[in-house]
Amino acid sequence: MTDRLLIVEGKPQRFGTQWLFDEHKYPFLPTIESPEQVSDRRKRYGLDPLRWPRSLAIPDAEQPWLSRPISEAVMRSPTSAELDAYDP
């Protein structure tokens, strides 16, 4: 819940728990505070390492990112339209 509220407030998330999808149904990671420390921060709170999101609304065959390394994730701030779609 912390990350969700931070994103809505226009601030970087702390744990990288929230992913958004762009208009092409491709996931991106909203900006994270201190990304080099996110793994340690997640571990302290009992969270698994950061990984790609798996959508239950999209068939696995249409989620090619699931087999890609997390280092290829795009981290950016959501656009106004993406943020509106995220929090209707």
Protein backbone atom coordinates (compact mmCIF):
# COMPACT_ATOMS: atom_id res chain seq x y z
CA MET A 1 0.00 0.00 0.00
CA THR A 2 2.94 2.32 0.70
CA ASP A 3 4.12 2.23 -2.92
CA ARG A 4 0.64 2.76 -4.31
CA LEU A 5 0.11 5.89 -2.19
CA LEU A 6 3.53 7.26 -3.12
CA ILE A 7 2.81 6.84 -6.84
CA VAL A 8 -0.56 8.58 -6.52
CA GLU A 9 1.22 11.43 -4.71
CA GLY A 10 3.73 11.67 -7.59
CA LYS A 11 6.64 10.38 -5.50
CA PRO A 12 9.03 7.47 -6.13
CA GLN A 13 7.94 4.15 -4.68
CA ARG A 14 10.10 2.53 -1.98
CA PHE A 15 9.77 -1.21 -2.64
CA GLY A 16 9.02 -1.60 -6.35
CA THR A 17 5.79 -3.47 -5.66
CA GLN A 18 3.70 -1.51 -8.17
CA TRP A 19 4.03 -1.97 -11.92
CA LEU A 20 1.93 -0.25 -14.58
CA PHE A 21 1.16 -1.22 -18.17
CA ASP A 22 1.54 1.20 -21.07
CA GLU A 23 -0.89 1.55 -23.97
CA HIS A 24 0.75 -1.48 -25.66
CA LYS A 25 0.14 -3.71 -22.61
CA TYR A 26 3.87 -3.68 -21.81
CA PRO A 27 4.84 -3.30 -18.14
CA PHE A 28 7.02 -0.56 -16.76
CA LEU A 29 8.20 0.08 -13.26
CA PRO A 30 7.26 3.46 -11.81
CA THR A 31 10.35 5.20 -10.42
CA ILE A 32 11.89 3.72 -7.27
CA GLU A 33 13.59 5.68 -4.49
CA SER A 34 17.25 4.57 -4.28
CA PRO A 35 16.97 1.71 -6.83
CA GLU A 36 20.44 0.42 -5.90
CA GLN A 37 19.12 -0.31 -2.39
CA VAL A 38 15.71 -1.73 -3.29
CA SER A 39 16.76 -5.38 -2.93
CA ASP A 40 18.05 -4.84 0.62
CA ARG A 41 14.97 -2.80 1.54
CA ARG A 42 12.64 -5.52 0.21
CA LYS A 43 14.57 -8.22 2.06
CA ARG A 44 14.27 -6.34 5.40
CA TYR A 45 10.48 -6.42 5.00
CA GLY A 46 10.29 -10.07 3.96
CA LEU A 47 9.60 -9.33 0.28
CA ASP A 48 10.94 -11.49 -2.55
CA PRO A 49 13.49 -9.99 -4.95
CA LEU A 50 12.14 -7.65 -7.61
CA ARG A 51 10.78 -9.50 -10.65
CA TRP A 52 8.58 -8.92 -13.67
CA PRO A 53 4.83 -8.78 -13.01
CA ARG A 54 2.60 -11.58 -14.25
CA SER A 55 -0.80 -10.35 -15.37
CA LEU A 56 -3.76 -12.62 -14.76
CA ALA A 57 -5.74 -10.67 -17.38
CA ILE A 58 -3.30 -11.39 -20.22
CA PRO A 59 -2.49 -14.92 -21.48
CA ASP A 60 1.07 -16.06 -20.66
CA ALA A 61 1.84 -16.31 -24.38
CA GLU A 62 1.29 -12.55 -24.61
CA GLN A 63 3.66 -11.77 -21.72
CA PRO A 64 7.12 -12.13 -23.30
CA TRP A 65 8.73 -10.06 -20.54
CA LEU A 66 8.32 -12.94 -18.06
CA SER A 67 11.39 -14.65 -19.54
CA ARG A 68 13.54 -11.49 -19.67
CA PRO A 69 16.02 -10.41 -16.99
CA ILE A 70 14.71 -7.77 -14.60
CA SER A 71 17.68 -5.58 -15.61
CA GLU A 72 15.79 -4.89 -18.88
CA ALA A 73 12.84 -3.31 -17.06
CA VAL A 74 12.07 0.30 -17.90
CA MET A 75 11.78 2.53 -14.84
CA ARG A 76 10.00 5.84 -15.37
CA SER A 77 7.27 8.04 -14.00
CA PRO A 78 3.76 7.28 -15.25
CA THR A 79 2.13 9.70 -17.65
CA SER A 80 -1.07 11.46 -16.58
CA ALA A 81 -3.16 9.04 -18.66
CA GLU A 82 -1.43 5.99 -17.18
CA LEU A 83 -1.86 7.34 -13.68
CA ASP A 84 -5.56 8.02 -14.32
CA ALA A 85 -6.02 4.46 -15.58
CA TYR A 86 -4.14 3.11 -12.55
CA ASP A 87 -6.26 4.91 -9.97
CA PRO A 88 -9.72 5.52 -11.47
